[in-house]
Protein backbone atom coordinates (compact mmCIF):
# COMPACT_ATOMS: atom_id res chain seq x y z
CA MET A 1 -47.36 121.02 12.81
CA ALA A 2 -50.46 123.16 12.74
CA GLY A 3 -53.55 121.58 11.28
CA ARG A 4 -52.31 118.01 11.65
CA TYR A 5 -53.96 115.36 13.71
CA ILE A 6 -51.91 114.35 16.74
CA ILE A 7 -52.18 110.71 15.68
CA ASP A 8 -50.25 111.58 12.51
CA ASN A 9 -47.45 112.91 14.68
CA ILE A 10 -47.50 109.76 16.83
CA ARG A 11 -47.45 107.56 13.74
CA LEU A 12 -44.51 109.54 12.38
CA VAL A 13 -42.56 108.86 15.57
CA LEU A 14 -43.52 105.18 15.52
CA ASP A 15 -42.38 104.89 11.91
CA LEU A 16 -38.96 106.09 13.03
CA LEU A 17 -38.86 103.43 15.77
CA ASP A 18 -38.60 99.71 15.27
CA TYR A 19 -42.36 99.15 15.20
CA SER A 20 -42.07 95.41 15.88
CA ASP A 21 -40.59 96.11 19.32
CA LEU A 22 -43.78 97.87 20.38
CA ILE A 23 -46.09 94.98 19.57
CA SER A 24 -44.75 92.84 22.40
CA LYS A 25 -44.66 95.63 24.98
CA ASN A 26 -47.29 97.46 27.02
CA SER A 27 -46.43 100.67 25.19
CA PHE A 28 -48.33 99.46 22.13
CA SER A 29 -51.58 99.57 24.11
CA LEU A 30 -50.65 103.10 25.16
CA PHE A 31 -50.33 103.99 21.47
CA LEU A 32 -53.82 102.60 20.86
CA ASP A 33 -55.15 104.66 23.77
CA PHE A 34 -53.59 107.79 22.25
CA GLN A 35 -55.16 106.93 18.94
CA LYS A 36 -58.64 106.54 20.47
CA ALA A 37 -58.28 109.74 22.46
CA PHE A 38 -56.95 112.02 19.75
CA ASP A 39 -57.59 110.66 16.28
CA SER A 40 -60.86 112.52 15.79
CA ARG A 41 -59.66 115.90 17.02
CA GLU A 42 -57.44 118.30 15.13
CA HIS A 43 -54.72 120.01 17.19
CA ASP A 44 -52.71 123.12 16.40
CA ALA A 45 -49.81 121.96 18.58
CA CYS A 46 -48.19 118.68 19.34
CA CYS A 47 -46.95 119.46 22.84
CA TRP A 48 -49.15 120.10 25.88
CA CYS A 49 -46.11 121.52 27.67
CA GLU A 50 -45.97 124.53 25.35
CA LYS A 51 -49.19 125.81 26.88
CA TYR A 52 -47.54 126.77 30.18
CA VAL A 53 -44.56 128.81 31.32
CA PHE A 54 -42.90 129.62 34.63
CA VAL A 55 -42.40 133.33 35.15
CA ALA A 56 -39.75 133.06 37.84
CA ASP A 57 -37.96 136.39 37.45
CA LEU A 58 -41.05 138.52 38.12
CA LYS A 59 -41.99 138.28 41.82
CA LYS A 60 -45.52 139.32 42.78
CA SER A 61 -48.20 138.68 45.39
CA TRP A 62 -50.89 136.21 44.30
CA TYR A 63 -53.38 139.01 43.50
CA PHE A 64 -50.92 140.96 41.35
CA ALA A 65 -49.60 137.77 39.74
CA ARG A 66 -53.14 137.02 38.59
CA LYS A 67 -53.61 140.58 37.31
CA HIS A 68 -50.33 140.27 35.41
CA CYS A 69 -51.49 136.97 33.88
CA GLU A 70 -54.79 138.47 32.77
CA GLN A 71 -52.96 141.32 31.03
CA HIS A 72 -50.08 139.40 29.45
CA TYR A 73 -51.12 135.75 29.34
CA ILE A 74 -54.41 133.94 29.89
CA ASP A 75 -54.44 133.01 33.59
CA LEU A 76 -52.60 131.22 36.37
CA LEU A 77 -52.11 127.45 36.14
CA GLN A 78 -55.19 125.33 36.85
CA LEU A 79 -54.73 121.59 37.34
CA THR A 80 -58.17 120.03 37.62
CA SER A 81 -57.22 116.35 37.66
CA GLU A 82 -54.44 113.99 38.65
CA GLU A 83 -53.80 113.30 34.97
CA GLU A 84 -53.24 116.98 34.23
CA GLU A 85 -50.91 117.28 37.21
CA ASN A 86 -48.89 114.24 36.10
CA PHE A 87 -48.53 115.67 32.56
CA PHE A 88 -47.43 118.97 34.06
CA LYS A 89 -44.84 117.24 36.29
CA GLU A 90 -43.41 115.46 33.26
CA CYS A 91 -43.17 118.72 31.34
CA TRP A 92 -41.54 120.58 34.22
CA ASN A 93 -39.15 118.01 35.61
CA ASP A 94 -36.88 120.82 36.80
CA GLN A 95 -38.90 120.89 40.01
CA TRP A 96 -36.88 123.61 41.72
CA LYS A 97 -39.04 126.27 40.12
CA GLU A 98 -41.89 127.68 42.14
CA GLY A 99 -44.79 129.91 41.34
CA TRP A 100 -48.36 130.80 42.14
CA ILE A 101 -51.14 128.65 40.72
CA GLY A 102 -54.75 129.73 40.41
CA ILE A 103 -56.46 128.68 43.67
CA TYR A 104 -58.13 131.29 45.88
CA TRP A 105 -60.95 131.55 48.44
CA ASP A 106 -64.07 132.97 46.78
CA ARG A 107 -66.15 134.63 49.51
CA ASN A 108 -69.25 134.84 47.28
CA LYS A 109 -69.18 131.11 46.56
CA ASN A 110 -67.88 130.29 50.05
CA ALA A 111 -65.47 127.82 48.45
CA TRP A 112 -61.95 127.33 47.14
CA THR A 113 -62.07 128.30 43.48
CA TRP A 114 -59.80 128.23 40.44
CA SER A 115 -58.95 131.64 39.02
CA GLY A 116 -60.95 130.67 35.91
CA GLY A 117 -64.10 130.46 38.06
CA ASP A 118 -64.53 126.70 38.52
CA LEU A 119 -64.75 125.22 42.00
CA VAL A 120 -61.71 123.21 43.08
CA THR A 121 -62.64 119.52 42.89
CA TYR A 122 -59.11 118.12 42.59
CA ASP A 123 -56.71 119.25 45.31
CA SER A 124 -53.55 117.12 44.92
CA ASP A 125 -53.73 116.02 48.57
CA LEU A 126 -53.72 119.64 49.70
CA ASP A 127 -55.78 120.13 52.86
CA LEU A 128 -58.62 122.42 51.80
CA SER A 129 -60.34 122.19 55.18
CA GLU A 130 -59.24 125.71 56.04
CA LYS A 131 -62.21 127.81 55.05
CA ASP A 132 -62.43 131.54 54.44
CA ASP A 133 -58.71 132.10 54.74
CA HIS A 134 -58.21 134.79 52.15
CA THR A 135 -54.61 135.27 53.25
CA LYS A 136 -53.48 131.96 51.77
CA ASN A 137 -53.03 130.89 48.20
CA VAL A 138 -51.36 127.90 46.57
CA LEU A 139 -47.82 127.67 45.27
CA TRP A 140 -46.31 125.07 42.93
CA THR A 141 -42.95 124.11 44.40
CA ASN A 142 -40.78 121.00 44.38
CA GLY A 143 -43.34 119.19 42.22
CA LYS A 144 -46.28 119.68 44.59
CA TRP A 145 -48.79 122.21 45.86
CA GLU A 146 -48.14 124.13 49.07
CA TRP A 147 -49.92 126.83 51.02
CA LYS A 148 -48.25 130.23 51.06
CA ASN A 149 -49.25 133.63 52.31
CA GLY A 150 -50.81 135.37 49.30
CA GLU A 151 -48.90 138.56 50.05
CA ASP A 152 -45.51 136.88 49.63
CA LEU A 153 -43.66 137.82 46.47
CA VAL A 154 -42.88 134.81 44.27
CA GLY A 155 -42.99 133.86 40.59
CA MET A 156 -46.01 132.40 38.81
CA VAL A 157 -47.02 129.52 36.58
CA VAL A 158 -49.09 130.85 33.71
CA ILE A 159 -51.23 129.61 30.85
CA LYS A 160 -49.67 131.30 27.86
CA SER A 161 -51.95 130.22 25.01
CA ASP A 162 -54.87 128.05 23.94
CA LEU A 163 -52.75 125.47 22.12
CA ILE A 164 -54.71 122.41 23.21
């Protein structure tokens, strides 16, 4: 639905539903929140989930997973807020998958950093108190973040396009 406003897509779905049922439920206020958030912005895709993919069959260390992403995709997954993480969990409810995400220790910045260059400000309850440990990176597994030795060979969660 390229070139359409996301609110048009939401309205289309609501037209297919019994609209009167939504007026008496909390979900109607959610619809209004969607309208406020997206009505003024044009989107080329209607699904946030399409932006990401698990590459489970290609096992690499964190460093080489990132290099692979830079060559074939955009980058490793970066979840910078609880809201983004919750959306991601809903998209990938088959939680058994695991893969590298884009957190690493940047020695120049002396801080945990996303592979895109931003400092990590949201950590999903991960203990970031371990400083200057360049042997560890972060893995998405079982619906949460976990530390893993960066040399271990696992899959990756990648950003595949700029849909949103």
